[in-house]
Amino acid sequence: MRLVLKSCKRNRYEIMNLLFLFDHYYPYIGGAEVVNKNVAEYFGKKHNVTVVTKRFEGVRSVIEVLNGVKICRTLNVPRLLHSIVAYACAYKFAENADMVISATYASGLAGYWLARTFKKKSILLVHEILDEHWRLFKLFHFLYRWYEDYIVTRSFDRYIVFSNYTRKKLTEKGIPESRISVIYHGVDDTLFYPRPIDKSLRRSIAGDCPFVYLYFGRPGGSKGLPYLINAVPEIYKVIPGSKLIVIISRETKAEYNLVMRLIDKVTKDNNILVLDTVPLELLPDYINIADTIVIPSLSEGFGFSAVESCMMGKQVVITETGSLPEVTFGKLVKVKKADSLSIANGIISMYNGNYEYSEPKKFVWDEALRKYETVLDSLNRYETATT
């Protein structure tokens, strides 16, 4: 085998065919989907970009072009079957692709198969590695852990991760550090910045409640929302009249229904209010009406909700797990994961003004996307040839 160095000038300016495989894509709401959209659209300005992703309720188009990105939506099937469906849908694009970029979980497996089939360079975006945390919210946790291990230990040419925490988890699984690039996500500072509270919005949602704490995001098991809900009665004892506001999507239905059943079981005195997700441009005003934001995650590969809240200057209670201590800043209280009493005590501590302070950190999309380009250029610069 020998390495053949292509012209750097050619690498920098040639137009490539890039095939992206994502479990979900815009307008699906979630942190990973923000990343997927930003990355695909950035490269769509310079290259031919095709995204293969799952269809979901409310989105009917099979193929569309959006902001320079060609989007092919597969059937909406269970995640374990999506690998097969995505592979079949992307097959016709993969032969002419210069590179296959896929993301955990199911799309990563399809991306690996396609890269092997057509001998293409491959990149895996690893949003998180739950590893031992699966046991905290999945019945057959050992199967989920095996499935995750199987995907991330395939031989991709490069791995892009979003925190040093995830980099460490990958190296523990035998992935060489030379193949791993840490690229922190960007966060839109034109949306998430300190501002005066919209008092009329707070009053319309929480009335004259003396203390409002808020959770926003997905109802997924890894987000630890049930532990926060179970903490509410203890918090209400110490802070009478306090209210938890929960802003969650209805995807997936099973997880959403589980959360709603738990709320019905523990709530009283109207101390929990559930709201549907709001448009992104309105989300900061809803975050801002809260006195404290709570991130009860069991693990995080980055933690958009946490960072967005910190950028708005909010007080934040986080579980001391995953990437959260790495990316958060400002006024913080750290609590134990999967521990409702610890979460309750942390929120009460924040209410009483007992917190630690961490210096501000910056997360800029322009910088992040340039690093993506560096990774792709490094792969495109070399090709292997058999002598």
Protein backbone atom coordinates (compact mmCIF):
# COMPACT_ATOMS: atom_id res chain seq x y z
CA MET A 1 0.00 0.00 0.00
CA ARG A 2 1.20 3.54 -0.62
CA LEU A 3 -0.18 6.98 0.13
CA VAL A 4 -0.71 9.25 -2.85
CA LEU A 5 -0.85 12.97 -2.05
CA LYS A 6 -3.31 14.85 -4.18
CA SER A 7 -2.89 18.51 -5.00
CA CYS A 8 -3.87 20.62 -2.00
CA LYS A 9 -5.30 23.24 -4.35
CA ARG A 10 -7.53 20.68 -5.96
CA ASN A 11 -8.72 19.38 -2.60
CA ARG A 12 -9.64 22.82 -1.37
CA TYR A 13 -11.72 23.84 -4.39
CA GLU A 14 -13.00 20.69 -6.05
CA ILE A 15 -16.73 19.99 -5.79
CA MET A 16 -17.46 16.75 -3.97
CA ASN A 17 -20.54 14.56 -3.78
CA LEU A 18 -21.25 14.16 -0.07
CA LEU A 19 -23.75 11.62 1.23
CA PHE A 20 -25.09 12.22 4.74
CA LEU A 21 -27.18 9.69 6.66
CA PHE A 22 -29.07 10.93 9.72
CA ASP A 23 -31.72 9.27 11.86
CA HIS A 24 -33.66 12.55 11.84
CA TYR A 25 -33.43 15.86 10.01
CA TYR A 26 -35.14 19.24 9.96
CA PRO A 27 -37.97 20.03 10.67
CA TYR A 28 -37.67 17.31 13.35
CA ILE A 29 -36.85 19.08 16.63
CA GLY A 30 -33.81 18.13 18.69
CA GLY A 31 -30.20 19.01 19.42
CA ALA A 32 -28.78 16.44 17.01
CA GLU A 33 -31.05 17.78 14.27
CA VAL A 34 -29.70 21.32 14.78
CA VAL A 35 -26.22 19.91 14.19
CA ASN A 36 -27.29 17.85 11.17
CA LYS A 37 -28.93 20.84 9.50
CA ASN A 38 -26.03 23.23 10.13
CA VAL A 39 -23.42 20.79 8.84
CA ALA A 40 -25.39 19.71 5.75
CA GLU A 41 -26.28 23.27 4.74
CA TYR A 42 -22.72 24.51 5.27
CA PHE A 43 -21.32 21.92 2.88
CA GLY A 44 -24.31 22.34 0.57
CA LYS A 45 -22.99 25.82 -0.30
CA LYS A 46 -19.79 24.33 -1.75
CA HIS A 47 -20.57 20.73 -2.67
CA ASN A 48 -23.36 18.44 -3.85
CA VAL A 49 -25.01 17.26 -0.66
CA THR A 50 -27.61 14.52 -0.28
CA VAL A 51 -29.20 13.68 3.07
CA VAL A 52 -30.97 10.37 3.64
CA THR A 53 -33.15 10.43 6.74
CA LYS A 54 -36.31 9.07 8.29
CA ARG A 55 -39.76 10.43 7.52
CA PHE A 56 -41.88 11.36 10.52
CA GLU A 57 -45.42 12.40 11.31
CA GLY A 58 -46.36 15.69 9.65
CA VAL A 59 -43.72 15.46 6.91
CA ARG A 60 -44.94 13.80 3.74
CA SER A 61 -42.42 14.75 1.06
CA VAL A 62 -40.16 11.91 -0.05
CA ILE A 63 -37.57 13.98 -1.91
CA GLU A 64 -37.09 17.73 -1.62
CA VAL A 65 -34.37 20.36 -1.89
CA LEU A 66 -34.02 22.70 1.06
CA ASN A 67 -31.37 25.41 1.36
CA GLY A 68 -29.13 23.70 -1.16
CA VAL A 69 -29.49 20.24 0.38
CA LYS A 70 -31.22 17.34 -1.37
CA ILE A 71 -33.24 15.42 1.23
CA CYS A 72 -34.47 11.88 0.68
CA ARG A 73 -36.85 10.67 3.39
CA THR A 74 -37.28 6.94 3.94
CA LEU A 75 -40.21 5.09 5.44
CA ASN A 76 -40.84 5.78 9.13
CA VAL A 77 -39.81 2.46 10.65
CA PRO A 78 -38.51 1.44 14.10
CA ARG A 79 -34.90 2.50 14.71
CA LEU A 80 -33.53 -1.05 14.46
CA LEU A 81 -35.01 -1.39 10.97
CA HIS A 82 -33.94 2.07 9.84
CA SER A 83 -30.40 0.84 9.12
CA ILE A 84 -31.75 -1.51 6.43
CA VAL A 85 -34.21 1.00 4.98
CA ALA A 86 -31.62 3.79 4.92
CA TYR A 87 -29.07 1.51 3.26
CA ALA A 88 -31.56 0.63 0.50
CA CYS A 89 -32.58 4.27 -0.03
CA ALA A 90 -29.00 5.60 -0.04
CA TYR A 91 -27.59 2.83 -2.23
CA LYS A 92 -28.32 4.73 -5.45
CA PHE A 93 -26.46 7.80 -4.16
CA ALA A 94 -23.49 6.03 -2.60
CA GLU A 95 -21.85 4.81 -5.79
CA ASN A 96 -21.17 8.39 -6.94
CA ALA A 97 -20.42 9.77 -3.50
CA ASP A 98 -16.91 10.90 -2.64
CA MET A 99 -17.55 10.46 1.06
CA VAL A 100 -20.20 8.96 3.36
CA ILE A 101 -20.89 10.86 6.58
CA SER A 102 -23.32 9.23 8.99
CA ALA A 103 -24.43 9.69 12.59
CA THR A 104 -25.27 7.44 15.50
CA TYR A 105 -27.24 5.35 15.87
CA ALA A 106 -29.04 3.45 13.09
CA SER A 107 -27.81 5.70 10.29
CA GLY A 108 -24.25 5.06 11.38
CA LEU A 109 -24.61 1.38 10.68
CA ALA A 110 -26.10 2.06 7.22
CA GLY A 111 -23.28 4.49 6.50
CA TYR A 112 -20.67 1.91 7.44
CA TRP A 113 -22.24 -0.72 5.18
CA LEU A 114 -22.39 1.70 2.24
CA ALA A 115 -18.80 2.86 2.71
CA ARG A 116 -17.64 -0.76 2.76
CA THR A 117 -19.78 -1.74 -0.23
CA PHE A 118 -18.54 1.09 -2.46
CA LYS A 119 -15.09 1.54 -0.86
CA LYS A 120 -15.74 5.13 0.14
CA LYS A 121 -14.17 7.25 2.86
CA SER A 122 -16.37 7.31 5.94
CA ILE A 123 -16.98 9.61 8.89
CA LEU A 124 -19.13 8.83 11.92
CA LEU A 125 -20.66 11.63 13.97
CA VAL A 126 -20.98 10.27 17.51
CA HIS A 127 -23.61 12.35 19.29
CA GLU A 128 -23.19 10.46 22.55
CA ILE A 129 -22.19 7.13 24.06
CA LEU A 130 -24.62 6.02 26.74
CA ASP A 131 -22.69 2.85 27.60
CA GLU A 132 -23.49 1.87 31.22
CA HIS A 133 -26.31 4.43 31.40
CA TRP A 134 -28.62 2.27 29.27
CA ARG A 135 -29.43 0.24 32.38
CA LEU A 136 -31.06 3.28 33.99
CA PHE A 137 -33.92 3.54 31.51
CA LYS A 138 -34.07 0.49 29.19
CA LEU A 139 -35.46 -2.90 30.15
CA PHE A 140 -33.15 -4.88 27.86
CA HIS A 141 -30.27 -2.50 28.45
CA PHE A 142 -27.58 -5.07 27.61
CA LEU A 143 -28.92 -5.34 24.05
CA TYR A 144 -28.90 -1.57 23.57
CA ARG A 145 -25.37 -1.38 24.95
CA TRP A 146 -24.20 -4.16 22.63
CA TYR A 147 -25.85 -2.42 19.65
CA GLU A 148 -24.17 0.90 20.51
CA ASP A 149 -20.78 -0.79 20.96
CA TYR A 150 -21.15 -2.59 17.65
CA ILE A 151 -21.84 0.64 15.75
CA VAL A 152 -19.13 2.85 17.23
CA THR A 153 -16.41 0.20 17.00
CA ARG A 154 -16.78 -0.32 13.25
CA SER A 155 -13.71 0.84 11.36
CA PHE A 156 -14.70 4.34 10.21
CA ASP A 157 -11.95 6.49 8.73
CA ARG A 158 -12.75 9.35 11.10
CA TYR A 159 -14.92 9.94 14.15
CA ILE A 160 -16.25 13.37 15.06
CA VAL A 161 -17.35 13.77 18.68
CA PHE A 162 -18.73 16.78 20.51
CA SER A 163 -16.97 16.68 23.84
CA ASN A 164 -13.81 15.34 25.44
CA TYR A 165 -16.07 13.09 27.49
CA THR A 166 -17.20 11.24 24.36
CA ARG A 167 -13.64 11.16 23.01
CA LYS A 168 -12.58 9.41 26.21
CA LYS A 169 -15.43 6.89 25.92
CA LEU A 170 -14.38 6.07 22.34
CA THR A 171 -10.74 5.55 23.25
CA GLU A 172 -11.84 3.20 26.04
CA LYS A 173 -13.49 1.12 23.31
CA GLY A 174 -10.24 0.89 21.37
CA ILE A 175 -10.67 3.67 18.80
CA PRO A 176 -7.28 5.34 18.15
CA GLU A 177 -7.15 8.99 19.19
CA SER A 178 -5.65 9.82 15.79
CA ARG A 179 -9.02 9.04 14.19
CA ILE A 180 -11.06 11.16 16.62
CA SER A 181 -11.75 14.89 16.26
CA VAL A 182 -13.44 16.83 19.06
CA ILE A 183 -15.64 19.61 17.66
CA TYR A 184 -17.89 21.42 20.09
CA HIS A 185 -21.24 22.46 18.65
CA GLY A 186 -22.00 26.08 17.98
CA VAL A 187 -24.93 27.82 19.67
CA ASP A 188 -26.74 30.76 18.08
CA ASP A 189 -25.85 33.79 20.21
CA THR A 190 -28.30 35.93 18.24
CA LEU A 191 -31.07 33.86 19.87
CA PHE A 192 -29.61 32.79 23.20
CA TYR A 193 -28.41 35.82 25.15
CA PRO A 194 -29.38 37.56 28.43
CA ARG A 195 -32.54 39.70 28.22
CA PRO A 196 -35.28 41.16 30.43
CA ILE A 197 -37.99 38.71 31.47
CA ASP A 198 -41.24 38.96 29.53
CA LYS A 199 -43.40 39.49 32.60
CA SER A 200 -46.68 39.16 30.73
CA LEU A 201 -45.58 35.77 29.32
CA ARG A 202 -44.54 34.58 32.76
CA ARG A 203 -47.81 35.73 34.27
CA SER A 204 -49.85 34.02 31.54
CA ILE A 205 -48.03 30.72 32.12
CA ALA A 206 -47.16 30.68 35.82
CA GLY A 207 -49.44 33.31 37.34
CA ASP A 208 -47.97 34.79 40.52
CA CYS A 209 -45.86 31.68 41.24
CA PRO A 210 -42.93 32.65 43.53
CA PHE A 211 -40.43 30.21 41.99
CA VAL A 212 -40.49 28.66 38.51
CA TYR A 213 -38.08 25.95 37.39
CA LEU A 214 -38.09 24.62 33.86
CA TYR A 215 -37.13 21.60 31.80
CA PHE A 216 -37.15 21.75 27.99
CA GLY A 217 -36.21 19.16 25.38
CA ARG A 218 -37.11 15.61 24.51
CA PRO A 219 -38.96 13.22 26.85
CA GLY A 220 -36.41 10.50 26.01
CA GLY A 221 -35.22 8.17 28.76
CA SER A 222 -31.61 9.38 28.69
CA LYS A 223 -32.76 12.90 29.53
CA GLY A 224 -33.69 11.86 33.09
CA LEU A 225 -37.01 13.73 33.16
CA PRO A 226 -38.77 11.12 35.38
CA TYR A 227 -36.22 11.76 38.14
CA LEU A 228 -37.02 15.47 38.03
CA ILE A 229 -40.77 14.83 38.10
CA ASN A 230 -40.39 12.58 41.14
CA ALA A 231 -38.46 15.39 42.85
CA VAL A 232 -41.37 17.84 42.58
CA PRO A 233 -43.25 16.85 45.80
CA GLU A 234 -40.10 17.36 47.91
CA ILE A 235 -39.41 20.73 46.28
CA TYR A 236 -43.00 21.85 46.82
CA LYS A 237 -42.76 21.06 50.53
CA VAL A 238 -39.82 23.44 50.93
CA ILE A 239 -40.90 26.05 48.37
CA PRO A 240 -44.73 26.26 48.59
CA GLY A 241 -46.35 27.52 45.42
CA SER A 242 -43.35 26.61 43.25
CA LYS A 243 -44.02 25.25 39.78
CA LEU A 244 -42.19 23.00 37.33
CA ILE A 245 -42.75 23.90 33.68
CA VAL A 246 -42.00 21.11 31.21
CA ILE A 247 -41.65 21.94 27.50
CA ILE A 248 -41.40 18.67 25.58
CA SER A 249 -42.06 17.29 22.13
CA ARG A 250 -44.57 14.50 21.59
CA GLU A 251 -41.94 12.39 19.79
CA THR A 252 -41.69 9.60 20.58
CA LYS A 253 -45.26 8.94 21.64
CA ALA A 254 -44.37 6.10 23.99
CA GLU A 255 -41.88 8.23 25.94
CA TYR A 256 -44.22 11.21 25.97
CA ASN A 257 -47.11 9.11 27.29
CA LEU A 258 -44.86 7.62 29.98
CA VAL A 259 -43.96 11.10 31.20
CA MET A 260 -47.59 12.21 31.21
CA ARG A 261 -48.67 9.18 33.24
CA LEU A 262 -45.95 9.90 35.79
CA ILE A 263 -47.00 13.54 36.04
CA ASP A 264 -50.61 12.51 36.65
CA LYS A 265 -49.38 10.25 39.42
CA VAL A 266 -47.23 12.74 41.35
CA THR A 267 -48.73 16.15 40.62
CA LYS A 268 -50.98 18.09 42.93
CA ASP A 269 -51.75 21.73 43.66
CA ASN A 270 -51.16 22.45 39.96
CA ASN A 271 -47.39 22.32 40.55
CA ILE A 272 -46.42 20.88 37.13
CA LEU A 273 -47.38 22.45 33.82
CA VAL A 274 -46.66 20.71 30.50
CA LEU A 275 -46.32 22.73 27.30
CA ASP A 276 -45.79 21.55 23.74
CA THR A 277 -42.59 22.61 22.00
CA VAL A 278 -42.54 26.19 20.81
CA PRO A 279 -40.92 27.62 17.65
CA LEU A 280 -37.17 28.05 18.04
CA GLU A 281 -37.36 31.84 17.76
CA LEU A 282 -39.73 31.93 20.75
CA LEU A 283 -37.90 29.40 22.91
CA PRO A 284 -35.52 31.90 24.56
CA ASP A 285 -38.44 33.92 25.96
CA TYR A 286 -39.89 30.76 27.49
CA ILE A 287 -36.52 29.79 28.95
CA ASN A 288 -36.20 33.28 30.36
CA ILE A 289 -39.41 33.20 32.41
CA ALA A 290 -37.90 30.51 34.66
CA ASP A 291 -35.87 31.29 37.77
CA THR A 292 -33.85 28.10 37.30
CA ILE A 293 -33.32 25.66 34.44
CA VAL A 294 -32.92 21.98 35.31
CA ILE A 295 -30.92 19.50 33.20
CA PRO A 296 -31.49 16.06 34.85
CA SER A 297 -29.78 14.03 32.09
CA LEU A 298 -28.38 10.57 32.76
CA SER A 299 -25.63 11.32 30.24
CA GLU A 300 -24.90 13.91 27.54
CA GLY A 301 -22.63 14.00 24.54
CA PHE A 302 -22.87 17.81 24.47
CA GLY A 303 -26.01 19.28 26.05
CA PHE A 304 -27.68 21.98 23.95
CA SER A 305 -30.35 22.80 26.55
CA ALA A 306 -27.69 23.33 29.21
CA VAL A 307 -25.44 25.52 27.06
CA GLU A 308 -28.32 27.58 25.66
CA SER A 309 -29.52 28.28 29.20
CA CYS A 310 -26.03 29.25 30.36
CA MET A 311 -25.66 31.61 27.39
CA MET A 312 -28.84 33.34 28.50
CA GLY A 313 -27.36 33.91 31.95
CA LYS A 314 -29.81 31.59 33.66
CA GLN A 315 -29.15 29.68 36.85
CA VAL A 316 -28.77 26.02 35.91
CA VAL A 317 -28.99 22.81 37.92
CA ILE A 318 -27.15 19.99 36.12
CA THR A 319 -26.46 16.35 36.83
CA GLU A 320 -22.74 15.78 37.19
CA THR A 321 -22.47 13.38 34.29
CA GLY A 322 -21.29 13.11 30.69
CA SER A 323 -20.22 16.36 29.07
CA LEU A 324 -22.35 18.65 31.26
CA PRO A 325 -19.58 19.75 33.68
CA GLU A 326 -17.36 20.28 30.63
CA VAL A 327 -19.60 22.66 28.68
CA THR A 328 -21.67 24.55 31.28
CA PHE A 329 -20.78 27.85 32.94
CA GLY A 330 -22.21 30.68 35.01
CA LYS A 331 -24.30 29.99 38.13
CA LEU A 332 -24.40 26.22 38.59
CA VAL A 333 -25.49 23.57 41.05
CA LYS A 334 -24.30 20.03 40.31
CA VAL A 335 -26.31 17.03 41.51
CA LYS A 336 -26.18 13.25 41.29
CA LYS A 337 -27.68 11.62 38.20
CA ALA A 338 -30.70 9.33 38.56
CA ASP A 339 -31.31 10.65 42.10
CA SER A 340 -34.57 12.53 42.67
CA LEU A 341 -33.65 13.61 46.21
CA SER A 342 -30.32 15.01 45.02
CA ILE A 343 -32.12 16.90 42.24
CA ALA A 344 -34.65 18.29 44.71
CA ASN A 345 -31.90 19.41 47.09
CA GLY A 346 -29.99 21.01 44.22
CA ILE A 347 -33.00 23.04 43.11
CA ILE A 348 -33.67 24.10 46.70
CA SER A 349 -30.00 25.13 47.05
CA MET A 350 -30.28 27.27 43.93
CA TYR A 351 -33.48 28.84 45.30
CA ASN A 352 -31.57 29.75 48.46
CA GLY A 353 -28.73 31.30 46.45
CA ASN A 354 -26.20 28.56 47.10
CA TYR A 355 -24.37 27.85 43.85
CA GLU A 356 -20.91 27.78 42.29
CA TYR A 357 -19.76 30.05 39.48
CA SER A 358 -17.81 29.06 36.37
CA GLU A 359 -16.30 31.47 33.85
CA PRO A 360 -18.14 31.91 30.49
CA LYS A 361 -17.33 29.65 27.53
CA LYS A 362 -17.90 30.25 23.81
CA PHE A 363 -19.49 27.88 21.30
CA VAL A 364 -19.44 29.38 17.79
CA TRP A 365 -20.84 27.70 14.68
CA ASP A 366 -18.38 29.35 12.26
CA GLU A 367 -15.47 27.91 14.19
CA ALA A 368 -17.09 24.48 14.49
CA LEU A 369 -17.92 24.24 10.78
CA ARG A 370 -14.39 25.21 9.75
CA LYS A 371 -13.15 22.29 11.86
CA TYR A 372 -15.56 19.97 10.03
CA GLU A 373 -14.09 21.20 6.77
CA THR A 374 -10.60 20.46 8.05
CA VAL A 375 -11.60 16.88 8.82
CA LEU A 376 -13.13 16.37 5.38
CA ASP A 377 -10.13 17.96 3.67
CA SER A 378 -7.76 15.66 5.56
CA LEU A 379 -9.66 12.63 4.29
CA ASN A 380 -9.94 13.94 0.75
CA ARG A 381 -6.25 14.80 0.61
CA TYR A 382 -5.10 11.19 0.71
CA GLU A 383 -6.15 8.11 -1.15
CA THR A 384 -4.83 4.61 -0.86
CA ALA A 385 -3.58 2.72 -3.86
CA THR A 386 -2.52 -0.90 -4.20
CA THR A 387 0.98 -1.35 -5.54
